[in-house]
Amino acid sequence: MSRKVYFESLCRLGEVSGPVSFETIAHAEEVLEVKFPKEYKEFLNEFGAACFDIMEIYGLPEPEKNSPPLWQSVTHVTQQLRKFGLLGENKSTLVPFSDDGTGVYFCFDAAVSPDTRILAIGPGIERSLASSLYDFVTDMAAGKVIFIARLDMNSAAKYAGSSWE
């Protein structure tokens, strides 16, 4: 089974919000001032957004189909993280599409679109993880995605209100 077929089966086994038109996708790209990777556009067009056992993939759920909220909007999450500077400085090409629940976001780097580059961004981490949405999600499902945050102890101590020295 190809990774794309496995990825699609994971989406179908979970909850999906439903297909999104290419016009809606183009509008989201315009709002965020990026171009999504080809694989992500295909995902949005077929599934819209998805929640399944191992993760959620943010998308473009229709508000009337998302009450109570089940799926995250990629535009809303991206705008919020940019507003609070949580994607790093001068990182306007990063688009978060999922997270690990601990403050680490999995982002596309739209600078390489229509190709895909996925990074983990969060406290103490900025690491490239994959060059395919299908590979990333299927590796997550297999427990193969591992990343470790490196924390500067002095920064951590300042955050905690003491010093490491």
N, C-alpha and C. Protein backbone atom coordinates (compact mmCIF):
# COMPACT_ATOMS: atom_id res chain seq x y z
N MET A 1 0.85 -1.17 0.00
CA MET A 1 0.00 0.00 0.00
C MET A 1 0.90 1.24 0.00
N SER A 2 0.59 2.20 -0.86
CA SER A 2 1.38 3.42 -0.90
C SER A 2 1.11 4.26 0.34
N ARG A 3 2.03 5.16 0.65
CA ARG A 3 1.84 6.03 1.81
C ARG A 3 0.63 6.94 1.63
N LYS A 4 0.38 7.38 0.41
CA LYS A 4 -0.79 8.23 0.17
C LYS A 4 -2.08 7.45 0.45
N VAL A 5 -2.15 6.21 -0.01
CA VAL A 5 -3.35 5.39 0.23
C VAL A 5 -3.52 5.13 1.72
N TYR A 6 -2.42 4.86 2.43
CA TYR A 6 -2.48 4.64 3.87
C TYR A 6 -2.94 5.92 4.59
N PHE A 7 -2.38 7.06 4.19
CA PHE A 7 -2.78 8.35 4.74
C PHE A 7 -4.29 8.56 4.55
N GLU A 8 -4.78 8.32 3.35
CA GLU A 8 -6.21 8.51 3.07
C GLU A 8 -7.07 7.55 3.89
N SER A 9 -6.59 6.32 4.11
CA SER A 9 -7.35 5.38 4.93
C SER A 9 -7.40 5.84 6.38
N LEU A 10 -6.31 6.44 6.89
CA LEU A 10 -6.32 6.99 8.24
C LEU A 10 -7.37 8.10 8.36
N CYS A 11 -7.40 8.96 7.36
CA CYS A 11 -8.38 10.06 7.36
C CYS A 11 -9.81 9.50 7.34
N ARG A 12 -10.04 8.51 6.50
CA ARG A 12 -11.40 7.94 6.39
C ARG A 12 -11.83 7.22 7.66
N LEU A 13 -10.87 6.67 8.42
CA LEU A 13 -11.20 5.98 9.67
C LEU A 13 -11.52 6.97 10.79
N GLY A 14 -11.09 8.21 10.61
CA GLY A 14 -11.35 9.25 11.61
C GLY A 14 -12.58 10.06 11.26
N GLU A 15 -12.60 11.26 11.79
CA GLU A 15 -13.67 12.21 11.51
C GLU A 15 -13.12 13.27 10.55
N VAL A 16 -13.83 13.50 9.46
CA VAL A 16 -13.42 14.54 8.52
C VAL A 16 -14.53 15.57 8.38
N SER A 17 -14.14 16.79 8.07
CA SER A 17 -15.14 17.86 7.97
C SER A 17 -15.82 17.90 6.62
N GLY A 18 -15.20 17.35 5.60
CA GLY A 18 -15.80 17.32 4.27
C GLY A 18 -15.00 18.14 3.28
N PRO A 19 -15.16 17.85 2.00
CA PRO A 19 -14.37 18.50 0.95
C PRO A 19 -14.48 20.02 0.97
N VAL A 20 -13.39 20.65 0.55
CA VAL A 20 -13.32 22.10 0.46
C VAL A 20 -13.02 22.46 -1.00
N SER A 21 -13.69 23.47 -1.51
CA SER A 21 -13.48 23.88 -2.90
C SER A 21 -12.10 24.53 -3.07
N PHE A 22 -11.60 24.48 -4.29
CA PHE A 22 -10.32 25.13 -4.57
C PHE A 22 -10.42 26.65 -4.41
N GLU A 23 -11.61 27.20 -4.60
CA GLU A 23 -11.81 28.63 -4.38
C GLU A 23 -11.63 28.98 -2.90
N THR A 24 -12.17 28.14 -2.02
CA THR A 24 -12.01 28.36 -0.57
C THR A 24 -10.55 28.21 -0.17
N ILE A 25 -9.87 27.24 -0.75
CA ILE A 25 -8.43 27.04 -0.47
C ILE A 25 -7.64 28.27 -0.92
N ALA A 26 -7.93 28.77 -2.11
CA ALA A 26 -7.24 29.96 -2.62
C ALA A 26 -7.49 31.17 -1.72
N HIS A 27 -8.71 31.29 -1.20
CA HIS A 27 -9.02 32.41 -0.30
C HIS A 27 -8.19 32.30 0.98
N ALA A 28 -8.06 31.10 1.54
CA ALA A 28 -7.25 30.91 2.75
C ALA A 28 -5.79 31.25 2.48
N GLU A 29 -5.28 30.86 1.32
CA GLU A 29 -3.91 31.20 0.95
C GLU A 29 -3.74 32.72 0.86
N GLU A 30 -4.73 33.38 0.30
CA GLU A 30 -4.69 34.84 0.19
C GLU A 30 -4.69 35.49 1.57
N VAL A 31 -5.54 35.02 2.46
CA VAL A 31 -5.62 35.57 3.82
C VAL A 31 -4.28 35.41 4.54
N LEU A 32 -3.66 34.24 4.38
CA LEU A 32 -2.38 33.95 5.08
C LEU A 32 -1.16 34.42 4.30
N GLU A 33 -1.37 34.85 3.05
CA GLU A 33 -0.29 35.32 2.18
C GLU A 33 0.77 34.25 1.96
N VAL A 34 0.30 33.03 1.67
CA VAL A 34 1.17 31.89 1.37
C VAL A 34 0.51 31.06 0.27
N LYS A 35 1.27 30.11 -0.24
CA LYS A 35 0.73 29.06 -1.12
C LYS A 35 0.94 27.74 -0.38
N PHE A 36 -0.15 26.99 -0.20
CA PHE A 36 -0.06 25.70 0.47
C PHE A 36 0.66 24.68 -0.41
N PRO A 37 1.31 23.71 0.21
CA PRO A 37 1.89 22.61 -0.56
C PRO A 37 0.81 21.83 -1.32
N LYS A 38 1.18 21.27 -2.44
CA LYS A 38 0.24 20.52 -3.29
C LYS A 38 -0.46 19.42 -2.50
N GLU A 39 0.27 18.66 -1.69
CA GLU A 39 -0.33 17.56 -0.92
C GLU A 39 -1.40 18.08 0.04
N TYR A 40 -1.13 19.22 0.66
CA TYR A 40 -2.09 19.78 1.61
C TYR A 40 -3.34 20.27 0.89
N LYS A 41 -3.17 20.86 -0.29
CA LYS A 41 -4.34 21.29 -1.08
C LYS A 41 -5.20 20.08 -1.44
N GLU A 42 -4.55 18.98 -1.81
CA GLU A 42 -5.29 17.75 -2.13
C GLU A 42 -6.06 17.26 -0.90
N PHE A 43 -5.40 17.30 0.27
CA PHE A 43 -6.05 16.90 1.51
C PHE A 43 -7.27 17.78 1.79
N LEU A 44 -7.11 19.09 1.70
CA LEU A 44 -8.21 20.01 1.95
C LEU A 44 -9.36 19.77 0.99
N ASN A 45 -9.03 19.57 -0.28
CA ASN A 45 -10.06 19.37 -1.29
C ASN A 45 -10.84 18.08 -1.08
N GLU A 46 -10.17 17.05 -0.57
CA GLU A 46 -10.85 15.76 -0.36
C GLU A 46 -11.47 15.61 1.03
N PHE A 47 -10.77 16.10 2.07
CA PHE A 47 -11.21 15.83 3.44
C PHE A 47 -11.60 17.09 4.24
N GLY A 48 -11.03 18.22 3.92
CA GLY A 48 -11.34 19.48 4.63
C GLY A 48 -10.55 19.68 5.89
N ALA A 49 -10.66 18.77 6.82
CA ALA A 49 -9.92 18.72 8.09
C ALA A 49 -10.13 17.30 8.60
N ALA A 50 -9.25 16.84 9.49
CA ALA A 50 -9.39 15.46 9.97
C ALA A 50 -8.93 15.32 11.41
N CYS A 51 -9.62 14.45 12.13
CA CYS A 51 -9.22 14.02 13.47
C CYS A 51 -9.23 12.50 13.46
N PHE A 52 -8.13 11.91 13.86
CA PHE A 52 -8.09 10.46 13.98
C PHE A 52 -7.19 10.09 15.13
N ASP A 53 -7.06 8.81 15.40
CA ASP A 53 -6.40 8.32 16.61
C ASP A 53 -5.11 9.05 16.98
N ILE A 54 -4.23 9.25 16.03
CA ILE A 54 -2.91 9.76 16.38
C ILE A 54 -2.78 11.27 16.34
N MET A 55 -3.69 11.94 15.63
CA MET A 55 -3.51 13.38 15.48
C MET A 55 -4.73 14.05 14.85
N GLU A 56 -4.67 15.35 14.86
CA GLU A 56 -5.62 16.18 14.14
C GLU A 56 -4.85 16.90 13.05
N ILE A 57 -5.45 17.03 11.89
CA ILE A 57 -4.87 17.85 10.83
C ILE A 57 -5.82 19.01 10.63
N TYR A 58 -5.31 20.22 10.94
CA TYR A 58 -6.12 21.42 10.78
C TYR A 58 -6.52 21.57 9.32
N GLY A 59 -7.64 22.22 9.12
CA GLY A 59 -8.10 22.40 7.76
C GLY A 59 -8.95 23.64 7.61
N LEU A 60 -9.96 23.52 6.78
CA LEU A 60 -10.86 24.63 6.50
C LEU A 60 -12.30 24.15 6.69
N PRO A 61 -12.65 23.83 7.94
CA PRO A 61 -14.01 23.34 8.18
C PRO A 61 -15.04 24.46 8.01
N GLU A 62 -16.18 24.10 7.48
CA GLU A 62 -17.26 25.07 7.35
C GLU A 62 -17.84 25.33 8.73
N PRO A 63 -17.97 26.59 9.15
CA PRO A 63 -18.45 26.89 10.50
C PRO A 63 -19.77 26.22 10.85
N GLU A 64 -20.71 26.16 9.91
CA GLU A 64 -22.00 25.56 10.21
C GLU A 64 -21.92 24.04 10.41
N LYS A 65 -20.85 23.41 9.91
CA LYS A 65 -20.65 21.97 10.12
C LYS A 65 -19.70 21.70 11.29
N ASN A 66 -19.26 22.75 11.96
CA ASN A 66 -18.23 22.61 13.00
C ASN A 66 -18.74 23.12 14.34
N SER A 67 -19.97 22.76 14.67
CA SER A 67 -20.55 23.22 15.93
C SER A 67 -21.19 22.04 16.64
N PRO A 68 -20.72 21.67 17.82
CA PRO A 68 -19.61 22.30 18.53
C PRO A 68 -18.30 22.04 17.80
N PRO A 69 -17.29 22.88 18.02
CA PRO A 69 -16.04 22.77 17.27
C PRO A 69 -15.37 21.40 17.45
N LEU A 70 -15.08 20.77 16.33
CA LEU A 70 -14.34 19.51 16.33
C LEU A 70 -13.00 19.70 15.65
N TRP A 71 -12.98 20.53 14.60
CA TRP A 71 -11.77 20.71 13.81
C TRP A 71 -11.23 22.13 13.96
N GLN A 72 -9.91 22.24 13.95
CA GLN A 72 -9.25 23.55 13.99
C GLN A 72 -9.15 24.12 12.58
N SER A 73 -9.30 25.42 12.47
CA SER A 73 -9.12 26.12 11.20
C SER A 73 -7.65 26.50 11.04
N VAL A 74 -7.06 26.10 9.93
CA VAL A 74 -5.65 26.42 9.68
C VAL A 74 -5.45 27.94 9.62
N THR A 75 -6.41 28.67 9.09
CA THR A 75 -6.25 30.12 9.02
C THR A 75 -6.28 30.73 10.42
N HIS A 76 -7.23 30.30 11.24
CA HIS A 76 -7.34 30.85 12.60
C HIS A 76 -6.10 30.52 13.44
N VAL A 77 -5.67 29.28 13.43
CA VAL A 77 -4.50 28.88 14.23
C VAL A 77 -3.26 29.64 13.76
N THR A 78 -3.07 29.74 12.45
CA THR A 78 -1.89 30.44 11.92
C THR A 78 -1.91 31.91 12.33
N GLN A 79 -3.05 32.55 12.19
CA GLN A 79 -3.16 33.96 12.56
C GLN A 79 -2.88 34.17 14.05
N GLN A 80 -3.41 33.29 14.89
CA GLN A 80 -3.20 33.43 16.34
C GLN A 80 -1.73 33.23 16.70
N LEU A 81 -1.11 32.19 16.16
CA LEU A 81 0.30 31.94 16.49
C LEU A 81 1.21 33.05 15.96
N ARG A 82 0.90 33.59 14.80
CA ARG A 82 1.66 34.72 14.27
C ARG A 82 1.49 35.94 15.18
N LYS A 83 0.25 36.20 15.58
CA LYS A 83 -0.05 37.36 16.42
C LYS A 83 0.77 37.34 17.71
N PHE A 84 0.90 36.18 18.31
CA PHE A 84 1.62 36.07 19.58
C PHE A 84 3.09 35.70 19.41
N GLY A 85 3.58 35.67 18.17
CA GLY A 85 4.99 35.39 17.91
C GLY A 85 5.44 33.98 18.25
N LEU A 86 4.52 33.04 18.22
CA LEU A 86 4.86 31.67 18.62
C LEU A 86 5.42 30.81 17.51
N LEU A 87 5.55 31.38 16.31
CA LEU A 87 6.18 30.65 15.22
C LEU A 87 7.59 31.16 14.96
N GLY A 88 8.08 32.02 15.84
CA GLY A 88 9.40 32.60 15.65
C GLY A 88 9.30 33.91 14.89
N GLU A 89 10.39 34.65 14.93
CA GLU A 89 10.41 35.94 14.24
C GLU A 89 10.65 35.74 12.75
N ASN A 90 10.00 36.57 11.95
CA ASN A 90 10.16 36.54 10.50
C ASN A 90 9.91 35.16 9.92
N LYS A 91 8.89 34.49 10.42
CA LYS A 91 8.55 33.15 9.94
C LYS A 91 7.18 33.17 9.27
N SER A 92 6.95 34.14 8.40
CA SER A 92 5.63 34.30 7.79
C SER A 92 5.30 33.21 6.79
N THR A 93 6.27 32.35 6.45
CA THR A 93 5.98 31.26 5.53
C THR A 93 5.58 29.98 6.25
N LEU A 94 5.63 29.98 7.59
CA LEU A 94 5.25 28.78 8.34
C LEU A 94 3.74 28.74 8.56
N VAL A 95 3.16 27.58 8.28
CA VAL A 95 1.73 27.38 8.44
C VAL A 95 1.52 26.12 9.29
N PRO A 96 1.10 26.29 10.54
CA PRO A 96 0.86 25.11 11.39
C PRO A 96 -0.35 24.32 10.89
N PHE A 97 -0.19 23.00 10.84
CA PHE A 97 -1.31 22.16 10.40
C PHE A 97 -1.66 21.09 11.44
N SER A 98 -0.87 21.00 12.51
CA SER A 98 -1.15 20.04 13.58
C SER A 98 -0.28 20.41 14.78
N ASP A 99 -0.49 19.72 15.90
CA ASP A 99 0.35 19.94 17.08
C ASP A 99 0.42 18.65 17.88
N ASP A 100 1.34 18.63 18.84
CA ASP A 100 1.49 17.42 19.67
C ASP A 100 0.84 17.56 21.04
N GLY A 101 0.18 18.69 21.29
CA GLY A 101 -0.50 18.90 22.56
C GLY A 101 0.39 19.45 23.66
N THR A 102 1.68 19.66 23.38
CA THR A 102 2.60 20.18 24.40
C THR A 102 3.19 21.54 24.01
N GLY A 103 2.63 22.17 23.00
CA GLY A 103 3.15 23.46 22.55
C GLY A 103 4.05 23.35 21.34
N VAL A 104 4.23 22.16 20.81
CA VAL A 104 5.01 21.97 19.59
C VAL A 104 4.02 21.87 18.44
N TYR A 105 4.24 22.71 17.43
CA TYR A 105 3.38 22.73 16.25
C TYR A 105 4.12 22.14 15.07
N PHE A 106 3.39 21.39 14.27
CA PHE A 106 3.93 20.85 13.03
C PHE A 106 3.48 21.80 11.94
N CYS A 107 4.45 22.34 11.21
CA CYS A 107 4.18 23.40 10.25
C CYS A 107 4.70 23.04 8.86
N PHE A 108 3.99 23.53 7.85
CA PHE A 108 4.50 23.54 6.49
C PHE A 108 5.34 24.79 6.34
N ASP A 109 6.41 24.69 5.59
CA ASP A 109 7.14 25.89 5.20
C ASP A 109 6.71 26.22 3.78
N ALA A 110 5.85 27.20 3.65
CA ALA A 110 5.28 27.56 2.36
C ALA A 110 6.32 28.14 1.40
N ALA A 111 7.52 28.43 1.90
CA ALA A 111 8.58 28.96 1.03
C ALA A 111 8.98 27.94 -0.03
N VAL A 112 8.74 26.65 0.20
CA VAL A 112 9.12 25.62 -0.76
C VAL A 112 7.92 25.10 -1.56
N SER A 113 6.74 25.70 -1.36
CA SER A 113 5.53 25.27 -2.06
C SER A 113 5.73 25.43 -3.57
N PRO A 114 5.26 24.50 -4.39
CA PRO A 114 4.26 23.47 -4.14
C PRO A 114 4.82 22.20 -3.49
N ASP A 115 6.13 22.17 -3.25
CA ASP A 115 6.70 21.03 -2.54
C ASP A 115 6.34 21.14 -1.06
N THR A 116 6.70 20.13 -0.32
CA THR A 116 6.36 20.08 1.10
C THR A 116 7.62 19.99 1.94
N ARG A 117 7.68 20.81 2.98
CA ARG A 117 8.69 20.67 4.03
C ARG A 117 7.96 20.87 5.34
N ILE A 118 8.11 19.90 6.24
CA ILE A 118 7.41 19.95 7.52
C ILE A 118 8.43 20.13 8.63
N LEU A 119 8.14 21.09 9.51
CA LEU A 119 9.01 21.37 10.65
C LEU A 119 8.24 21.24 11.95
N ALA A 120 8.96 20.92 13.01
CA ALA A 120 8.42 20.99 14.37
C ALA A 120 8.92 22.30 14.94
N ILE A 121 8.00 23.13 15.44
CA ILE A 121 8.33 24.44 16.01
C ILE A 121 7.69 24.53 17.39
N GLY A 122 8.50 24.86 18.38
CA GLY A 122 7.96 25.00 19.73
C GLY A 122 9.06 25.39 20.70
N PRO A 123 8.74 25.40 21.97
CA PRO A 123 9.75 25.78 22.97
C PRO A 123 10.98 24.88 22.88
N GLY A 124 12.11 25.47 22.52
CA GLY A 124 13.36 24.73 22.45
C GLY A 124 13.53 23.85 21.24
N ILE A 125 12.64 23.96 20.26
CA ILE A 125 12.76 23.11 19.08
C ILE A 125 12.39 23.84 17.80
N GLU A 126 13.19 23.63 16.80
CA GLU A 126 12.90 24.02 15.43
C GLU A 126 13.64 23.02 14.57
N ARG A 127 12.90 22.04 14.08
CA ARG A 127 13.55 20.92 13.40
C ARG A 127 12.75 20.50 12.18
N SER A 128 13.45 20.26 11.09
CA SER A 128 12.83 19.74 9.88
C SER A 128 12.55 18.25 10.09
N LEU A 129 11.33 17.83 9.76
CA LEU A 129 10.94 16.44 10.02
C LEU A 129 10.66 15.61 8.78
N ALA A 130 10.10 16.22 7.74
CA ALA A 130 9.69 15.43 6.58
C ALA A 130 9.53 16.32 5.36
N SER A 131 9.50 15.68 4.20
CA SER A 131 9.28 16.41 2.96
C SER A 131 8.02 15.90 2.25
N SER A 132 7.13 15.28 3.01
CA SER A 132 5.86 14.80 2.47
C SER A 132 4.84 14.71 3.60
N LEU A 133 3.65 15.23 3.36
CA LEU A 133 2.57 15.11 4.33
C LEU A 133 2.24 13.64 4.56
N TYR A 134 2.19 12.87 3.48
CA TYR A 134 1.85 11.45 3.58
C TYR A 134 2.89 10.70 4.42
N ASP A 135 4.18 10.96 4.16
CA ASP A 135 5.23 10.31 4.94
C ASP A 135 5.16 10.71 6.41
N PHE A 136 4.96 12.00 6.66
CA PHE A 136 4.91 12.49 8.04
C PHE A 136 3.79 11.81 8.82
N VAL A 137 2.58 11.82 8.28
CA VAL A 137 1.44 11.26 9.00
C VAL A 137 1.57 9.75 9.16
N THR A 138 2.01 9.06 8.13
CA THR A 138 2.16 7.60 8.26
C THR A 138 3.30 7.25 9.21
N ASP A 139 4.36 8.06 9.23
CA ASP A 139 5.43 7.84 10.22
C ASP A 139 4.93 8.12 11.64
N MET A 140 4.09 9.15 11.80
CA MET A 140 3.48 9.41 13.11
C MET A 140 2.66 8.21 13.56
N ALA A 141 1.88 7.66 12.64
CA ALA A 141 1.03 6.51 12.96
C ALA A 141 1.87 5.30 13.37
N ALA A 142 3.07 5.20 12.81
CA ALA A 142 3.95 4.07 13.12
C ALA A 142 4.86 4.37 14.33
N GLY A 143 4.74 5.58 14.91
CA GLY A 143 5.57 5.94 16.06
C GLY A 143 7.02 6.24 15.70
N LYS A 144 7.24 6.65 14.44
CA LYS A 144 8.61 6.89 13.98
C LYS A 144 9.06 8.35 14.06
N VAL A 145 8.17 9.27 14.39
CA VAL A 145 8.54 10.69 14.45
C VAL A 145 8.97 10.99 15.87
N ILE A 146 10.26 11.29 16.02
CA ILE A 146 10.82 11.59 17.33
C ILE A 146 11.57 12.91 17.23
N PHE A 147 11.33 13.77 18.16
CA PHE A 147 12.07 15.02 18.24
C PHE A 147 12.25 15.35 19.70
N ILE A 148 13.35 15.98 20.00
CA ILE A 148 13.66 16.33 21.39
C ILE A 148 13.96 17.81 21.44
N ALA A 149 13.29 18.50 22.33
CA ALA A 149 13.54 19.93 22.50
C ALA A 149 14.85 20.12 23.26
N ARG A 150 15.62 21.08 22.80
CA ARG A 150 16.84 21.46 23.51
C ARG A 150 16.54 22.75 24.24
N LEU A 151 16.67 22.73 25.53
CA LEU A 151 16.33 23.89 26.33
C LEU A 151 17.60 24.50 26.90
N ASP A 152 17.77 25.76 26.67
CA ASP A 152 18.86 26.51 27.26
C ASP A 152 18.54 26.68 28.75
N MET A 153 19.36 26.12 29.62
CA MET A 153 19.06 26.11 31.05
C MET A 153 18.98 27.52 31.63
N ASN A 154 19.79 28.47 31.14
CA ASN A 154 19.70 29.84 31.64
C ASN A 154 18.36 30.46 31.25
N SER A 155 17.90 30.20 30.02
CA SER A 155 16.60 30.73 29.61
C SER A 155 15.50 30.10 30.46
N ALA A 156 15.60 28.82 30.71
CA ALA A 156 14.60 28.14 31.53
C ALA A 156 14.58 28.70 32.94
N ALA A 157 15.76 28.96 33.48
CA ALA A 157 15.85 29.49 34.85
C ALA A 157 15.27 30.91 34.92
N LYS A 158 15.56 31.73 33.89
CA LYS A 158 14.98 33.08 33.86
C LYS A 158 13.47 33.01 33.78
N TYR A 159 12.98 32.07 32.99
CA TYR A 159 11.54 31.89 32.86
C TYR A 159 10.94 31.51 34.21
N ALA A 160 11.65 30.67 34.96
CA ALA A 160 11.17 30.21 36.26
C ALA A 160 11.42 31.24 37.37
N GLY A 161 12.15 32.31 37.06
CA GLY A 161 12.37 33.37 38.03
C GLY A 161 13.60 33.18 38.90
N SER A 162 14.53 32.35 38.48
CA SER A 162 15.78 32.18 39.23
C SER A 162 16.93 32.15 38.22
N SER A 163 18.10 31.81 38.67
CA SER A 163 19.21 31.70 37.73
C SER A 163 19.83 30.32 37.85
N TRP A 164 20.42 29.89 36.76
CA TRP A 164 21.02 28.56 36.69
C TRP A 164 22.43 28.59 37.23
N GLU A 165 23.05 29.74 37.25
CA GLU A 165 24.47 29.86 37.63
C GLU A 165 24.68 29.69 39.11
